[in-house]
mmCIF file of all heavy atoms, coordinates in Angstrom:
data_MODEL
# 
_entry.id   MODEL 
# 
loop_
_atom_site.group_PDB 
_atom_site.id 
_atom_site.type_symbol 
_atom_site.label_atom_id 
_atom_site.label_alt_id 
_atom_site.label_comp_id 
_atom_site.label_asym_id 
_atom_site.label_entity_id 
_atom_site.label_seq_id 
_atom_site.pdbx_PDB_ins_code 
_atom_site.Cartn_x 
_atom_site.Cartn_y 
_atom_site.Cartn_z 
_atom_site.occupancy 
_atom_site.B_iso_or_equiv 
_atom_site.pdbx_formal_charge 
_atom_site.auth_seq_id 
_atom_site.auth_comp_id 
_atom_site.auth_asym_id 
_atom_site.auth_atom_id 
_atom_site.pdbx_PDB_model_num 
ATOM 1   N N   . VAL A 1 1  ? 6.793   13.041  3.347  1.00 0.00 ? 1  VAL A N   1 
ATOM 2   C CA  . VAL A 1 1  ? 5.339   12.989  3.502  1.00 0.00 ? 1  VAL A CA  1 
ATOM 3   C C   . VAL A 1 1  ? 4.780   14.220  4.210  1.00 0.00 ? 1  VAL A C   1 
ATOM 4   O O   . VAL A 1 1  ? 3.587   14.507  4.106  1.00 0.00 ? 1  VAL A O   1 
ATOM 5   C CB  . VAL A 1 1  ? 4.897   11.714  4.255  1.00 0.00 ? 1  VAL A CB  1 
ATOM 6   C CG1 . VAL A 1 1  ? 5.188   10.478  3.432  1.00 0.00 ? 1  VAL A CG1 1 
ATOM 7   C CG2 . VAL A 1 1  ? 5.569   11.623  5.622  1.00 0.00 ? 1  VAL A CG2 1 
ATOM 8   N N   . VAL A 1 2  ? 5.632   14.957  4.922  1.00 0.00 ? 2  VAL A N   1 
ATOM 9   C CA  . VAL A 1 2  ? 5.158   16.165  5.597  1.00 0.00 ? 2  VAL A CA  1 
ATOM 10  C C   . VAL A 1 2  ? 4.629   17.166  4.577  1.00 0.00 ? 2  VAL A C   1 
ATOM 11  O O   . VAL A 1 2  ? 3.712   17.936  4.853  1.00 0.00 ? 2  VAL A O   1 
ATOM 12  C CB  . VAL A 1 2  ? 6.302   16.787  6.435  1.00 0.00 ? 2  VAL A CB  1 
ATOM 13  C CG1 . VAL A 1 2  ? 5.870   18.120  7.037  1.00 0.00 ? 2  VAL A CG1 1 
ATOM 14  C CG2 . VAL A 1 2  ? 6.741   15.822  7.527  1.00 0.00 ? 2  VAL A CG2 1 
ATOM 15  N N   . ARG A 1 3  ? 5.186   17.156  3.382  1.00 0.00 ? 3  ARG A N   1 
ATOM 16  C CA  . ARG A 1 3  ? 4.804   18.115  2.353  1.00 0.00 ? 3  ARG A CA  1 
ATOM 17  C C   . ARG A 1 3  ? 3.682   17.596  1.448  1.00 0.00 ? 3  ARG A C   1 
ATOM 18  O O   . ARG A 1 3  ? 3.286   18.283  0.512  1.00 0.00 ? 3  ARG A O   1 
ATOM 19  C CB  . ARG A 1 3  ? 6.018   18.449  1.483  1.00 0.00 ? 3  ARG A CB  1 
ATOM 20  C CG  . ARG A 1 3  ? 7.180   19.068  2.255  1.00 0.00 ? 3  ARG A CG  1 
ATOM 21  C CD  . ARG A 1 3  ? 8.341   19.337  1.323  1.00 0.00 ? 3  ARG A CD  1 
ATOM 22  N NE  . ARG A 1 3  ? 9.485   19.910  2.038  1.00 0.00 ? 3  ARG A NE  1 
ATOM 23  C CZ  . ARG A 1 3  ? 10.654  20.177  1.466  1.00 0.00 ? 3  ARG A CZ  1 
ATOM 24  N NH1 . ARG A 1 3  ? 10.823  19.935  0.178  1.00 0.00 ? 3  ARG A NH1 1 
ATOM 25  N NH2 . ARG A 1 3  ? 11.645  20.698  2.175  1.00 0.00 ? 3  ARG A NH2 1 
ATOM 26  N N   . LEU A 1 4  ? 3.207   16.399  1.704  1.00 0.00 ? 4  LEU A N   1 
ATOM 27  C CA  . LEU A 1 4  ? 2.250   15.767  0.793  1.00 0.00 ? 4  LEU A CA  1 
ATOM 28  C C   . LEU A 1 4  ? 0.841   15.755  1.377  1.00 0.00 ? 4  LEU A C   1 
ATOM 29  O O   . LEU A 1 4  ? 0.634   15.847  2.583  1.00 0.00 ? 4  LEU A O   1 
ATOM 30  C CB  . LEU A 1 4  ? 2.687   14.333  0.487  1.00 0.00 ? 4  LEU A CB  1 
ATOM 31  C CG  . LEU A 1 4  ? 4.075   14.158  -0.140 1.00 0.00 ? 4  LEU A CG  1 
ATOM 32  C CD1 . LEU A 1 4  ? 4.319   12.682  -0.430 1.00 0.00 ? 4  LEU A CD1 1 
ATOM 33  C CD2 . LEU A 1 4  ? 4.226   14.982  -1.401 1.00 0.00 ? 4  LEU A CD2 1 
ATOM 34  N N   . ASP A 1 5  ? -0.126  15.589  0.472  1.00 0.00 ? 5  ASP A N   1 
ATOM 35  C CA  . ASP A 1 5  ? -1.507  15.350  0.889  1.00 0.00 ? 5  ASP A CA  1 
ATOM 36  C C   . ASP A 1 5  ? -1.750  13.857  1.069  1.00 0.00 ? 5  ASP A C   1 
ATOM 37  O O   . ASP A 1 5  ? -2.581  13.453  1.888  1.00 0.00 ? 5  ASP A O   1 
ATOM 38  C CB  . ASP A 1 5  ? -2.473  15.897  -0.165 1.00 0.00 ? 5  ASP A CB  1 
ATOM 39  C CG  . ASP A 1 5  ? -2.338  17.404  -0.318 1.00 0.00 ? 5  ASP A CG  1 
ATOM 40  O OD1 . ASP A 1 5  ? -2.375  18.103  0.702  1.00 0.00 ? 5  ASP A OD1 1 
ATOM 41  O OD2 . ASP A 1 5  ? -2.184  17.876  -1.459 1.00 0.00 ? 5  ASP A OD2 1 
ATOM 42  N N   . GLY A 1 6  ? -1.062  13.039  0.295  1.00 0.00 ? 6  GLY A N   1 
ATOM 43  C CA  . GLY A 1 6  ? -1.205  11.595  0.402  1.00 0.00 ? 6  GLY A CA  1 
ATOM 44  C C   . GLY A 1 6  ? -0.425  11.040  1.582  1.00 0.00 ? 6  GLY A C   1 
ATOM 45  O O   . GLY A 1 6  ? 0.506   11.664  2.102  1.00 0.00 ? 6  GLY A O   1 
ATOM 46  N N   . ARG A 1 7  ? -0.806  9.848   2.019  1.00 0.00 ? 7  ARG A N   1 
ATOM 47  C CA  . ARG A 1 7  ? -0.159  9.188   3.153  1.00 0.00 ? 7  ARG A CA  1 
ATOM 48  C C   . ARG A 1 7  ? 0.683   8.014   2.694  1.00 0.00 ? 7  ARG A C   1 
ATOM 49  O O   . ARG A 1 7  ? 0.343   7.325   1.730  1.00 0.00 ? 7  ARG A O   1 
ATOM 50  C CB  . ARG A 1 7  ? -1.215  8.671   4.127  1.00 0.00 ? 7  ARG A CB  1 
ATOM 51  C CG  . ARG A 1 7  ? -2.078  9.725   4.758  1.00 0.00 ? 7  ARG A CG  1 
ATOM 52  C CD  . ARG A 1 7  ? -3.112  9.079   5.650  1.00 0.00 ? 7  ARG A CD  1 
ATOM 53  N NE  . ARG A 1 7  ? -4.065  8.267   4.896  1.00 0.00 ? 7  ARG A NE  1 
ATOM 54  C CZ  . ARG A 1 7  ? -4.944  7.423   5.437  1.00 0.00 ? 7  ARG A CZ  1 
ATOM 55  N NH1 . ARG A 1 7  ? -4.952  7.247   6.740  1.00 0.00 ? 7  ARG A NH1 1 
ATOM 56  N NH2 . ARG A 1 7  ? -5.788  6.767   4.685  1.00 0.00 ? 7  ARG A NH2 1 
ATOM 57  N N   . ASP A 1 8  ? 1.779   7.767   3.395  1.00 0.00 ? 8  ASP A N   1 
ATOM 58  C CA  . ASP A 1 8  ? 2.571   6.566   3.183  1.00 0.00 ? 8  ASP A CA  1 
ATOM 59  C C   . ASP A 1 8  ? 1.890   5.425   3.941  1.00 0.00 ? 8  ASP A C   1 
ATOM 60  O O   . ASP A 1 8  ? 1.876   5.399   5.165  1.00 0.00 ? 8  ASP A O   1 
ATOM 61  C CB  . ASP A 1 8  ? 3.990   6.800   3.694  1.00 0.00 ? 8  ASP A CB  1 
ATOM 62  C CG  . ASP A 1 8  ? 4.821   5.518   3.723  1.00 0.00 ? 8  ASP A CG  1 
ATOM 63  O OD1 . ASP A 1 8  ? 4.387   4.500   3.143  1.00 0.00 ? 8  ASP A OD1 1 
ATOM 64  O OD2 . ASP A 1 8  ? 5.902   5.545   4.346  1.00 0.00 ? 8  ASP A OD2 1 
ATOM 65  N N   . LEU A 1 9  ? 1.323   4.486   3.193  1.00 0.00 ? 9  LEU A N   1 
ATOM 66  C CA  . LEU A 1 9  ? 0.613   3.355   3.789  1.00 0.00 ? 9  LEU A CA  1 
ATOM 67  C C   . LEU A 1 9  ? 1.477   2.097   3.880  1.00 0.00 ? 9  LEU A C   1 
ATOM 68  O O   . LEU A 1 9  ? 0.965   1.024   4.198  1.00 0.00 ? 9  LEU A O   1 
ATOM 69  C CB  . LEU A 1 9  ? -0.646  3.042   2.966  1.00 0.00 ? 9  LEU A CB  1 
ATOM 70  C CG  . LEU A 1 9  ? -1.630  4.195   2.762  1.00 0.00 ? 9  LEU A CG  1 
ATOM 71  C CD1 . LEU A 1 9  ? -2.798  3.742   1.895  1.00 0.00 ? 9  LEU A CD1 1 
ATOM 72  C CD2 . LEU A 1 9  ? -2.124  4.739   4.093  1.00 0.00 ? 9  LEU A CD2 1 
ATOM 73  N N   . SER A 1 10 ? 2.768   2.220   3.611  1.00 0.00 ? 10 SER A N   1 
ATOM 74  C CA  . SER A 1 10 ? 3.620   1.030   3.541  1.00 0.00 ? 10 SER A CA  1 
ATOM 75  C C   . SER A 1 10 ? 3.665   0.264   4.862  1.00 0.00 ? 10 SER A C   1 
ATOM 76  O O   . SER A 1 10 ? 3.651   -0.970  4.867  1.00 0.00 ? 10 SER A O   1 
ATOM 77  C CB  . SER A 1 10 ? 5.037   1.417   3.102  1.00 0.00 ? 10 SER A CB  1 
ATOM 78  O OG  . SER A 1 10 ? 5.651   2.298   4.034  1.00 0.00 ? 10 SER A OG  1 
ATOM 79  N N   . ARG A 1 11 ? 3.714   0.976   5.980  1.00 0.00 ? 11 ARG A N   1 
ATOM 80  C CA  . ARG A 1 11 ? 3.759   0.273   7.270  1.00 0.00 ? 11 ARG A CA  1 
ATOM 81  C C   . ARG A 1 11 ? 2.467   -0.485  7.529  1.00 0.00 ? 11 ARG A C   1 
ATOM 82  O O   . ARG A 1 11 ? 2.491   -1.588  8.101  1.00 0.00 ? 11 ARG A O   1 
ATOM 83  C CB  . ARG A 1 11 ? 4.039   1.267   8.401  1.00 0.00 ? 11 ARG A CB  1 
ATOM 84  C CG  . ARG A 1 11 ? 5.439   1.864   8.354  1.00 0.00 ? 11 ARG A CG  1 
ATOM 85  C CD  . ARG A 1 11 ? 5.707   2.751   9.555  1.00 0.00 ? 11 ARG A CD  1 
ATOM 86  N NE  . ARG A 1 11 ? 7.049   3.296   9.528  1.00 0.00 ? 11 ARG A NE  1 
ATOM 87  C CZ  . ARG A 1 11 ? 7.551   4.091   10.467 1.00 0.00 ? 11 ARG A CZ  1 
ATOM 88  N NH1 . ARG A 1 11 ? 6.806   4.425   11.518 1.00 0.00 ? 11 ARG A NH1 1 
ATOM 89  N NH2 . ARG A 1 11 ? 8.786   4.553   10.361 1.00 0.00 ? 11 ARG A NH2 1 
ATOM 90  N N   . ASP A 1 12 ? 1.355   0.101   7.127  1.00 0.00 ? 12 ASP A N   1 
ATOM 91  C CA  . ASP A 1 12 ? 0.079   -0.610  7.272  1.00 0.00 ? 12 ASP A CA  1 
ATOM 92  C C   . ASP A 1 12 ? 0.061   -1.865  6.412  1.00 0.00 ? 12 ASP A C   1 
ATOM 93  O O   . ASP A 1 12 ? -0.433  -2.915  6.840  1.00 0.00 ? 12 ASP A O   1 
ATOM 94  C CB  . ASP A 1 12 ? -1.084  0.303   6.874  1.00 0.00 ? 12 ASP A CB  1 
ATOM 95  C CG  . ASP A 1 12 ? -1.250  1.472   7.826  1.00 0.00 ? 12 ASP A CG  1 
ATOM 96  O OD1 . ASP A 1 12 ? -1.080  1.283   9.042  1.00 0.00 ? 12 ASP A OD1 1 
ATOM 97  O OD2 . ASP A 1 12 ? -1.554  2.580   7.350  1.00 0.00 ? 12 ASP A OD2 1 
ATOM 98  N N   . LEU A 1 13 ? 0.592   -1.749  5.201  1.00 0.00 ? 13 LEU A N   1 
ATOM 99  C CA  . LEU A 1 13 ? 0.591   -2.907  4.307  1.00 0.00 ? 13 LEU A CA  1 
ATOM 100 C C   . LEU A 1 13 ? 1.517   -4.001  4.825  1.00 0.00 ? 13 LEU A C   1 
ATOM 101 O O   . LEU A 1 13 ? 1.149   -5.178  4.846  1.00 0.00 ? 13 LEU A O   1 
ATOM 102 C CB  . LEU A 1 13 ? 1.021   -2.478  2.904  1.00 0.00 ? 13 LEU A CB  1 
ATOM 103 C CG  . LEU A 1 13 ? 0.115   -1.470  2.193  1.00 0.00 ? 13 LEU A CG  1 
ATOM 104 C CD1 . LEU A 1 13 ? 0.625   -1.193  0.789  1.00 0.00 ? 13 LEU A CD1 1 
ATOM 105 C CD2 . LEU A 1 13 ? -1.323  -1.970  2.141  1.00 0.00 ? 13 LEU A CD2 1 
ATOM 106 N N   . LEU A 1 14 ? 2.716   -3.612  5.254  1.00 0.00 ? 14 LEU A N   1 
ATOM 107 C CA  . LEU A 1 14 ? 3.663   -4.604  5.754  1.00 0.00 ? 14 LEU A CA  1 
ATOM 108 C C   . LEU A 1 14 ? 3.200   -5.202  7.078  1.00 0.00 ? 14 LEU A C   1 
ATOM 109 O O   . LEU A 1 14 ? 3.466   -6.366  7.372  1.00 0.00 ? 14 LEU A O   1 
ATOM 110 C CB  . LEU A 1 14 ? 5.046   -3.963  5.918  1.00 0.00 ? 14 LEU A CB  1 
ATOM 111 C CG  . LEU A 1 14 ? 5.717   -3.534  4.608  1.00 0.00 ? 14 LEU A CG  1 
ATOM 112 C CD1 . LEU A 1 14 ? 6.949   -2.685  4.899  1.00 0.00 ? 14 LEU A CD1 1 
ATOM 113 C CD2 . LEU A 1 14 ? 6.099   -4.743  3.767  1.00 0.00 ? 14 LEU A CD2 1 
ATOM 114 N N   . GLY A 1 15 ? 2.497   -4.405  7.873  1.00 0.00 ? 15 GLY A N   1 
ATOM 115 C CA  . GLY A 1 15 ? 1.992   -4.883  9.159  1.00 0.00 ? 15 GLY A CA  1 
ATOM 116 C C   . GLY A 1 15 ? 0.624   -5.503  9.083  1.00 0.00 ? 15 GLY A C   1 
ATOM 117 O O   . GLY A 1 15 ? 0.045   -5.853  10.121 1.00 0.00 ? 15 GLY A O   1 
ATOM 118 N N   . LYS A 1 16 ? 0.064   -5.597  7.860  1.00 0.00 ? 16 LYS A N   1 
ATOM 119 C CA  . LYS A 1 16 ? -1.253  -6.190  7.630  1.00 0.00 ? 16 LYS A CA  1 
ATOM 120 C C   . LYS A 1 16 ? -2.347  -5.495  8.440  1.00 0.00 ? 16 LYS A C   1 
ATOM 121 O O   . LYS A 1 16 ? -3.241  -6.126  8.983  1.00 0.00 ? 16 LYS A O   1 
ATOM 122 C CB  . LYS A 1 16 ? -1.218  -7.693  7.957  1.00 0.00 ? 16 LYS A CB  1 
ATOM 123 C CG  . LYS A 1 16 ? -0.199  -8.470  7.149  1.00 0.00 ? 16 LYS A CG  1 
ATOM 124 C CD  . LYS A 1 16 ? -0.187  -9.936  7.546  1.00 0.00 ? 16 LYS A CD  1 
ATOM 125 C CE  . LYS A 1 16 ? 0.915   -10.689 6.813  1.00 0.00 ? 16 LYS A CE  1 
ATOM 126 N NZ  . LYS A 1 16 ? 0.982   -12.103 7.215  1.00 0.00 ? 16 LYS A NZ  1 
ATOM 127 N N   . ARG A 1 17 ? -2.257  -4.148  8.492  1.00 0.00 ? 17 ARG A N   1 
ATOM 128 C CA  . ARG A 1 17 ? -3.259  -3.363  9.209  1.00 0.00 ? 17 ARG A CA  1 
ATOM 129 C C   . ARG A 1 17 ? -4.096  -2.568  8.209  1.00 0.00 ? 17 ARG A C   1 
ATOM 130 O O   . ARG A 1 17 ? -3.654  -2.272  7.101  1.00 0.00 ? 17 ARG A O   1 
ATOM 131 C CB  . ARG A 1 17 ? -2.579  -2.371  10.169 1.00 0.00 ? 17 ARG A CB  1 
ATOM 132 C CG  . ARG A 1 17 ? -1.727  -2.999  11.243 1.00 0.00 ? 17 ARG A CG  1 
ATOM 133 C CD  . ARG A 1 17 ? -1.228  -1.910  12.192 1.00 0.00 ? 17 ARG A CD  1 
ATOM 134 N NE  . ARG A 1 17 ? -0.413  -0.926  11.494 1.00 0.00 ? 17 ARG A NE  1 
ATOM 135 C CZ  . ARG A 1 17 ? 0.914   -0.982  11.399 1.00 0.00 ? 17 ARG A CZ  1 
ATOM 136 N NH1 . ARG A 1 17 ? 1.574   -1.993  11.944 1.00 0.00 ? 17 ARG A NH1 1 
ATOM 137 N NH2 . ARG A 1 17 ? 1.582   -0.031  10.757 1.00 0.00 ? 17 ARG A NH2 1 
ATOM 138 N N   . GLU A 1 18 ? -5.287  -2.184  8.649  1.00 0.00 ? 18 GLU A N   1 
ATOM 139 C CA  . GLU A 1 18 ? -6.095  -1.255  7.881  1.00 0.00 ? 18 GLU A CA  1 
ATOM 140 C C   . GLU A 1 18 ? -5.583  0.163   8.125  1.00 0.00 ? 18 GLU A C   1 
ATOM 141 O O   . GLU A 1 18 ? -5.224  0.508   9.255  1.00 0.00 ? 18 GLU A O   1 
ATOM 142 C CB  . GLU A 1 18 ? -7.567  -1.336  8.296  1.00 0.00 ? 18 GLU A CB  1 
ATOM 143 C CG  . GLU A 1 18 ? -8.270  -2.607  7.834  1.00 0.00 ? 18 GLU A CG  1 
ATOM 144 C CD  . GLU A 1 18 ? -8.576  -2.597  6.340  1.00 0.00 ? 18 GLU A CD  1 
ATOM 145 O OE1 . GLU A 1 18 ? -8.913  -1.519  5.799  1.00 0.00 ? 18 GLU A OE1 1 
ATOM 146 O OE2 . GLU A 1 18 ? -8.473  -3.664  5.722  1.00 0.00 ? 18 GLU A OE2 1 
ATOM 147 N N   . PRO A 1 19 ? -5.526  1.009   7.097  1.00 0.00 ? 19 PRO A N   1 
ATOM 148 C CA  . PRO A 1 19 ? -5.136  2.403   7.325  1.00 0.00 ? 19 PRO A CA  1 
ATOM 149 C C   . PRO A 1 19 ? -6.132  3.099   8.248  1.00 0.00 ? 19 PRO A C   1 
ATOM 150 O O   . PRO A 1 19 ? -7.304  2.718   8.313  1.00 0.00 ? 19 PRO A O   1 
ATOM 151 C CB  . PRO A 1 19 ? -5.169  3.015   5.922  1.00 0.00 ? 19 PRO A CB  1 
ATOM 152 C CG  . PRO A 1 19 ? -5.102  1.848   4.980  1.00 0.00 ? 19 PRO A CG  1 
ATOM 153 C CD  . PRO A 1 19 ? -5.771  0.713   5.681  1.00 0.00 ? 19 PRO A CD  1 
ATOM 154 N N   . ALA A 1 20 ? -5.668  4.119   8.945  1.00 0.00 ? 20 ALA A N   1 
ATOM 155 C CA  . ALA A 1 20 ? -6.570  4.902   9.792  1.00 0.00 ? 20 ALA A CA  1 
ATOM 156 C C   . ALA A 1 20 ? -7.556  5.668   8.925  1.00 0.00 ? 20 ALA A C   1 
ATOM 157 O O   . ALA A 1 20 ? -7.216  6.123   7.831  1.00 0.00 ? 20 ALA A O   1 
ATOM 158 C CB  . ALA A 1 20 ? -5.767  5.867   10.652 1.00 0.00 ? 20 ALA A CB  1 
ATOM 159 N N   . PRO A 1 21 ? -8.798  5.837   9.373  1.00 0.00 ? 21 PRO A N   1 
ATOM 160 C CA  . PRO A 1 21 ? -9.766  6.622   8.603  1.00 0.00 ? 21 PRO A CA  1 
ATOM 161 C C   . PRO A 1 21 ? -9.314  8.066   8.460  1.00 0.00 ? 21 PRO A C   1 
ATOM 162 O O   . PRO A 1 21 ? -8.663  8.618   9.350  1.00 0.00 ? 21 PRO A O   1 
ATOM 163 C CB  . PRO A 1 21 ? -11.049 6.529   9.446  1.00 0.00 ? 21 PRO A CB  1 
ATOM 164 C CG  . PRO A 1 21 ? -10.848 5.344   10.321 1.00 0.00 ? 21 PRO A CG  1 
ATOM 165 C CD  . PRO A 1 21 ? -9.383  5.272   10.597 1.00 0.00 ? 21 PRO A CD  1 
ATOM 166 N N   . ARG A 1 22 ? -9.668  8.667   7.346  1.00 0.00 ? 22 ARG A N   1 
ATOM 167 C CA  . ARG A 1 22 ? -9.382  10.087  7.135  1.00 0.00 ? 22 ARG A CA  1 
ATOM 168 C C   . ARG A 1 22 ? -10.339 10.632  6.084  1.00 0.00 ? 22 ARG A C   1 
ATOM 169 O O   . ARG A 1 22 ? -10.971 9.868   5.345  1.00 0.00 ? 22 ARG A O   1 
ATOM 170 C CB  . ARG A 1 22 ? -7.938  10.303  6.675  1.00 0.00 ? 22 ARG A CB  1 
ATOM 171 C CG  . ARG A 1 22 ? -7.652  9.720   5.307  1.00 0.00 ? 22 ARG A CG  1 
ATOM 172 C CD  . ARG A 1 22 ? -6.319  10.170  4.739  1.00 0.00 ? 22 ARG A CD  1 
ATOM 173 N NE  . ARG A 1 22 ? -6.308  11.593  4.407  1.00 0.00 ? 22 ARG A NE  1 
ATOM 174 C CZ  . ARG A 1 22 ? -5.309  12.179  3.743  1.00 0.00 ? 22 ARG A CZ  1 
ATOM 175 N NH1 . ARG A 1 22 ? -4.238  11.480  3.394  1.00 0.00 ? 22 ARG A NH1 1 
ATOM 176 N NH2 . ARG A 1 22 ? -5.348  13.453  3.451  1.00 0.00 ? 22 ARG A NH2 1 
ATOM 177 N N   . ASP A 1 23 ? -10.445 11.948  6.002  1.00 0.00 ? 23 ASP A N   1 
ATOM 178 C CA  . ASP A 1 23 ? -11.249 12.564  4.956  1.00 0.00 ? 23 ASP A CA  1 
ATOM 179 C C   . ASP A 1 23 ? -10.593 12.316  3.605  1.00 0.00 ? 23 ASP A C   1 
ATOM 180 O O   . ASP A 1 23 ? -9.366  12.392  3.469  1.00 0.00 ? 23 ASP A O   1 
ATOM 181 C CB  . ASP A 1 23 ? -11.364 14.072  5.180  1.00 0.00 ? 23 ASP A CB  1 
ATOM 182 C CG  . ASP A 1 23 ? -12.240 14.419  6.370  1.00 0.00 ? 23 ASP A CG  1 
ATOM 183 O OD1 . ASP A 1 23 ? -13.012 13.555  6.803  1.00 0.00 ? 23 ASP A OD1 1 
ATOM 184 O OD2 . ASP A 1 23 ? -12.138 15.551  6.868  1.00 0.00 ? 23 ASP A OD2 1 
ATOM 185 N N   . ILE A 1 24 ? -11.423 12.019  2.599  1.00 0.00 ? 24 ILE A N   1 
ATOM 186 C CA  . ILE A 1 24 ? -10.937 11.828  1.232  1.00 0.00 ? 24 ILE A CA  1 
ATOM 187 C C   . ILE A 1 24 ? -11.524 12.943  0.379  1.00 0.00 ? 24 ILE A C   1 
ATOM 188 O O   . ILE A 1 24 ? -12.740 13.108  0.294  1.00 0.00 ? 24 ILE A O   1 
ATOM 189 C CB  . ILE A 1 24 ? -11.335 10.445  0.692  1.00 0.00 ? 24 ILE A CB  1 
ATOM 190 C CG1 . ILE A 1 24 ? -10.655 9.359   1.534  1.00 0.00 ? 24 ILE A CG1 1 
ATOM 191 C CG2 . ILE A 1 24 ? -10.933 10.304  -0.775 1.00 0.00 ? 24 ILE A CG2 1 
ATOM 192 C CD1 . ILE A 1 24 ? -11.073 7.964   1.169  1.00 0.00 ? 24 ILE A CD1 1 
# 
């Protein structure tokens, strides 16, 4: 993920959390 523009949201999904806000 260090090389990517996208984020790994799997922990948010498994933890039932909302992703942190970011510029889209």
